[in-house]
Every structure is written in structure tokens, then in C-alpha cells.
Amino acid sequence: MLNFKLKTVKSISKRFKLTSKGKLLKHKSSRSHLLNKKTSNRKRQLRKVSIVNIRDRQNFINGMPYLY
């Protein structure tokens, strides 16, 4: 009998990182283009890394089976 490996969703694994406490880190959006109209303060805030909401974490767990 064959045991099949679960595939990791590569788009999720490239965009998100797991911390040692089990939280998921992500980069904020709206930082790639149309930066002239955004204020310096807003662009500075967009540089930061944020944590994925706990309620959304289940979607990522299904996409990365060997992460947890």
C-alpha cells in the first residue's frame, strides 16, 4: 500500500513565516506601487511585519501540512 505525501502550497510557504510560538508572520500589502500618493508615515507603517489573525490561521494550516 502506498502512503502519499501531502503537498505544500508554495505560494503560502513563500509569503508567510512561522514564529517559535506558532504565530504566522506576513508582510503588509499596498507597498509595491502608487507610492506617491501615500504619506511617509503610512509607507513607514507598511514596512513592518504583522501577525496573521488567529481566526485565519486554519486556512494556512491546511496549505502547509508539515509546518505544525
C-alpha atoms as a PDB file:
ATOM      1  CA  MET A   1       0.000   0.000   0.000  1.00  0.00           C
ATOM      2  CA  LEU A   2       1.310   3.423  -0.938  1.00  0.00           C
ATOM      3  CA  ASN A   3       1.430   6.294   1.515  1.00  0.00           C
ATOM      4  CA  PHE A   4       1.076   9.575  -0.299  1.00  0.00           C
ATOM      5  CA  LYS A   5       2.803  12.742   0.828  1.00  0.00           C
ATOM      6  CA  LEU A   6       0.739  15.881   1.266  1.00  0.00           C
ATOM      7  CA  LYS A   7       1.842  18.743  -0.935  1.00  0.00           C
ATOM      8  CA  THR A   8       2.676  22.144   0.491  1.00  0.00           C
ATOM      9  CA  VAL A   9       1.062  25.163  -1.172  1.00  0.00           C
ATOM     10  CA  LYS A  10       4.194  27.016  -2.299  1.00  0.00           C
ATOM     11  CA  SER A  11       2.520  30.417  -2.508  1.00  0.00           C
ATOM     12  CA  ILE A  12       1.715  30.215   1.208  1.00  0.00           C
ATOM     13  CA  SER A  13       5.161  28.984   2.196  1.00  0.00           C
ATOM     14  CA  LYS A  14       6.847  31.859   0.325  1.00  0.00           C
ATOM     15  CA  ARG A  15       4.664  34.591   1.820  1.00  0.00           C
ATOM     16  CA  PHE A  16       4.332  33.543   5.454  1.00  0.00           C
ATOM     17  CA  LYS A  17       6.757  32.599   8.204  1.00  0.00           C
ATOM     18  CA  LEU A  18       6.121  30.682  11.417  1.00  0.00           C
ATOM     19  CA  THR A  19       7.413  32.034  14.733  1.00  0.00           C
ATOM     20  CA  SER A  20       8.629  29.879  17.601  1.00  0.00           C
ATOM     21  CA  LYS A  21       5.339  30.464  19.447  1.00  0.00           C
ATOM     22  CA  GLY A  22       3.318  29.165  16.476  1.00  0.00           C
ATOM     23  CA  LYS A  23       2.129  32.509  15.095  1.00  0.00           C
ATOM     24  CA  LEU A  24       2.247  33.356  11.398  1.00  0.00           C
ATOM     25  CA  LEU A  25       4.036  36.484  10.200  1.00  0.00           C
ATOM     26  CA  LYS A  26       3.171  38.331   6.992  1.00  0.00           C
ATOM     27  CA  HIS A  27       4.219  41.478   5.179  1.00  0.00           C
ATOM     28  CA  LYS A  28       1.638  44.213   4.787  1.00  0.00           C
ATOM     29  CA  SER A  29       0.158  44.909   1.368  1.00  0.00           C
ATOM     30  CA  SER A  30      -0.028  48.173  -0.659  1.00  0.00           C
ATOM     31  CA  ARG A  31       3.727  48.697  -0.677  1.00  0.00           C
ATOM     32  CA  SER A  32       4.632  47.883  -4.271  1.00  0.00           C
ATOM     33  CA  HIS A  33       3.286  50.745  -6.390  1.00  0.00           C
ATOM     34  CA  LEU A  34       1.332  54.024  -6.317  1.00  0.00           C
ATOM     35  CA  LEU A  35       3.590  55.253  -3.510  1.00  0.00           C
ATOM     36  CA  ASN A  36       3.467  58.952  -4.468  1.00  0.00           C
ATOM     37  CA  LYS A  37       0.025  59.474  -3.005  1.00  0.00           C
ATOM     38  CA  LYS A  38       0.839  57.680   0.257  1.00  0.00           C
ATOM     39  CA  THR A  39       2.336  59.681   3.082  1.00  0.00           C
ATOM     40  CA  SER A  40       5.759  58.925   4.512  1.00  0.00           C
ATOM     41  CA  ASN A  41       4.189  57.867   7.783  1.00  0.00           C
ATOM     42  CA  ARG A  42       1.901  55.397   6.036  1.00  0.00           C
ATOM     43  CA  LYS A  43       4.761  53.928   3.975  1.00  0.00           C
ATOM     44  CA  ARG A  44       6.832  53.534   7.127  1.00  0.00           C
ATOM     45  CA  GLN A  45       3.995  51.652   8.824  1.00  0.00           C
ATOM     46  CA  LEU A  46       3.646  49.364   5.783  1.00  0.00           C
ATOM     47  CA  ARG A  47       7.282  48.280   6.151  1.00  0.00           C
ATOM     48  CA  LYS A  48       6.504  46.436   9.354  1.00  0.00           C
ATOM     49  CA  VAL A  49       5.685  42.767   9.636  1.00  0.00           C
ATOM     50  CA  SER A  50       2.281  41.893  11.068  1.00  0.00           C
ATOM     51  CA  ILE A  51       0.763  38.768  12.585  1.00  0.00           C
ATOM     52  CA  VAL A  52      -1.960  36.787  10.842  1.00  0.00           C
ATOM     53  CA  ASN A  53      -5.232  36.759  12.759  1.00  0.00           C
ATOM     54  CA  ILE A  54      -5.865  33.637  14.828  1.00  0.00           C
ATOM     55  CA  ARG A  55      -9.189  33.063  13.084  1.00  0.00           C
ATOM     56  CA  ASP A  56      -7.474  32.929   9.667  1.00  0.00           C
ATOM     57  CA  ARG A  57      -4.748  30.518  10.762  1.00  0.00           C
ATOM     58  CA  GLN A  58      -6.716  27.371   9.915  1.00  0.00           C
ATOM     59  CA  ASN A  59      -6.601  28.272   6.199  1.00  0.00           C
ATOM     60  CA  PHE A  60      -2.807  28.312   6.306  1.00  0.00           C
ATOM     61  CA  ILE A  61      -2.522  25.108   8.332  1.00  0.00           C
ATOM     62  CA  ASN A  62      -4.301  23.234   5.560  1.00  0.00           C
ATOM     63  CA  GLY A  63      -1.894  24.661   2.974  1.00  0.00           C
ATOM     64  CA  MET A  64       1.266  23.824   4.930  1.00  0.00           C
ATOM     65  CA  PRO A  65       0.742  20.329   6.339  1.00  0.00           C
ATOM     66  CA  TYR A  66       4.293  19.770   7.682  1.00  0.00           C
ATOM     67  CA  LEU A  67       4.706  23.136   9.351  1.00  0.00           C
ATOM     68  CA  TYR A  68       2.833  22.333  12.568  1.00  0.00           C
END
